[in-house]
Protein backbone atom coordinates (compact mmCIF):
# COMPACT_ATOMS: atom_id res chain seq x y z
CA UNK A 1 5.69 -49.09 25.54
CA UNK A 2 7.87 -46.48 27.08
CA UNK A 3 8.73 -42.82 26.80
CA UNK A 4 10.24 -43.21 23.34
CA UNK A 5 6.94 -44.60 21.99
CA UNK A 6 5.08 -41.70 23.63
CA UNK A 7 7.38 -39.16 21.92
CA UNK A 8 6.95 -40.84 18.55
CA UNK A 9 3.21 -41.05 19.03
CA UNK A 10 3.04 -37.35 19.91
CA UNK A 11 5.09 -36.43 16.83
CA UNK A 12 2.94 -38.54 14.56
CA UNK A 13 -0.30 -37.17 16.05
CA UNK A 14 0.66 -33.75 14.73
CA UNK A 15 -0.50 -34.92 11.30
CA UNK A 16 -4.03 -35.20 12.68
CA UNK A 17 -4.69 -38.66 11.27
CA UNK A 18 -3.15 -40.79 13.95
CA UNK A 19 -4.46 -41.47 17.41
CA UNK A 20 -7.78 -39.70 17.48
CA UNK A 21 -8.21 -40.90 21.04
CA UNK A 22 -10.66 -43.68 20.22
CA UNK A 23 -7.89 -46.14 19.27
CA UNK A 24 -5.73 -48.08 21.67
CA UNK A 25 -1.93 -48.05 21.39
CA UNK A 26 -1.76 -51.44 19.69
CA UNK A 27 -4.21 -50.39 16.96
CA UNK A 28 -2.28 -47.16 16.35
CA UNK A 29 1.01 -49.07 16.24
CA UNK A 30 -0.37 -51.63 13.78
CA UNK A 31 -1.69 -48.85 11.50
CA UNK A 32 1.83 -47.43 11.49
CA UNK A 33 3.58 -50.77 10.92
CA UNK A 34 1.07 -51.88 8.27
CA UNK A 35 1.89 -48.82 6.17
CA UNK A 36 -1.64 -47.42 6.35
CA UNK A 37 -0.78 -44.29 8.28
CA UNK A 38 2.50 -43.64 6.45
CA UNK A 39 0.69 -43.84 3.12
CA UNK A 40 -1.87 -41.32 4.42
CA UNK A 41 0.97 -38.94 5.30
CA UNK A 42 2.52 -39.42 1.86
CA UNK A 43 -0.85 -38.61 0.29
CA UNK A 44 -0.87 -35.30 2.20
CA UNK A 45 2.66 -34.54 0.98
CA UNK A 46 1.92 -35.51 -2.62
CA UNK A 47 -1.83 -35.62 -3.32
CA UNK A 48 -1.44 -36.60 -6.97
CA UNK A 49 -3.70 -39.52 -7.72
CA UNK A 50 -2.16 -42.95 -7.89
CA UNK A 51 -3.66 -46.09 -9.33
CA UNK A 52 -2.49 -48.16 -6.37
CA UNK A 53 -4.87 -48.96 -3.55
CA UNK A 54 -3.69 -49.28 0.02
CA UNK A 55 -4.93 -52.34 1.89
CA UNK A 56 -6.66 -50.84 4.93
CA UNK A 57 -7.51 -54.20 6.49
CA UNK A 58 -4.16 -55.96 6.73
CA UNK A 59 -5.08 -58.14 9.73
CA UNK A 60 -1.49 -59.29 10.28
CA UNK A 61 -1.17 -60.53 6.70
CA UNK A 62 2.52 -60.11 5.92
CA UNK A 63 1.91 -60.01 2.16
CA UNK A 64 -0.57 -57.13 2.45
CA UNK A 65 1.80 -55.29 4.78
CA UNK A 66 4.64 -55.69 2.28
CA UNK A 67 2.37 -54.52 -0.53
CA UNK A 68 1.44 -51.36 1.43
CA UNK A 69 5.06 -50.59 2.24
CA UNK A 70 6.11 -51.25 -1.38
CA UNK A 71 3.49 -48.75 -2.55
CA UNK A 72 4.82 -46.26 0.00
CA UNK A 73 8.42 -46.63 -1.18
CA UNK A 74 7.32 -46.33 -4.82
CA UNK A 75 5.36 -43.14 -4.05
CA UNK A 76 8.31 -41.64 -2.17
CA UNK A 77 10.64 -42.42 -5.09
CA UNK A 78 8.19 -40.91 -7.58
CA UNK A 79 7.83 -37.80 -5.44
CA UNK A 80 11.57 -37.17 -5.28
CA UNK A 81 12.31 -38.15 -8.87
CA UNK A 82 9.64 -35.77 -10.19
CA UNK A 83 11.00 -32.81 -8.23
CA UNK A 84 13.69 -30.62 -9.76
CA UNK A 85 17.04 -31.05 -8.08
CA UNK A 86 17.90 -28.08 -5.87
CA UNK A 87 20.88 -27.27 -3.72
C-alpha cells in the first residue's frame, strides 16, 4: 500500500475511530471495506437510533458486507431526505 493509502488512512484517522495503532493495515482496510467504519462515521453524523444492526464480524462474507453497505446507503439517504433543502 502506497502513499495514497497513507493519505486516506490519515484522513480517516481524524474521526478517532480508525487505526488506534493496535490494528494492522489489513484489519483497518477490511473494517473500511466491510462498511463497519463508514457506518460508525454515519452514526456520528446522524446519531438518531436505527433499528438496523451492523454486522461487526463480517469475516469476508460478501452477503454481510453487502448488508452493511446497504444499511449505510439507506442511512445516508434518510439523513439527506430528512434535512430541509437549502441553497
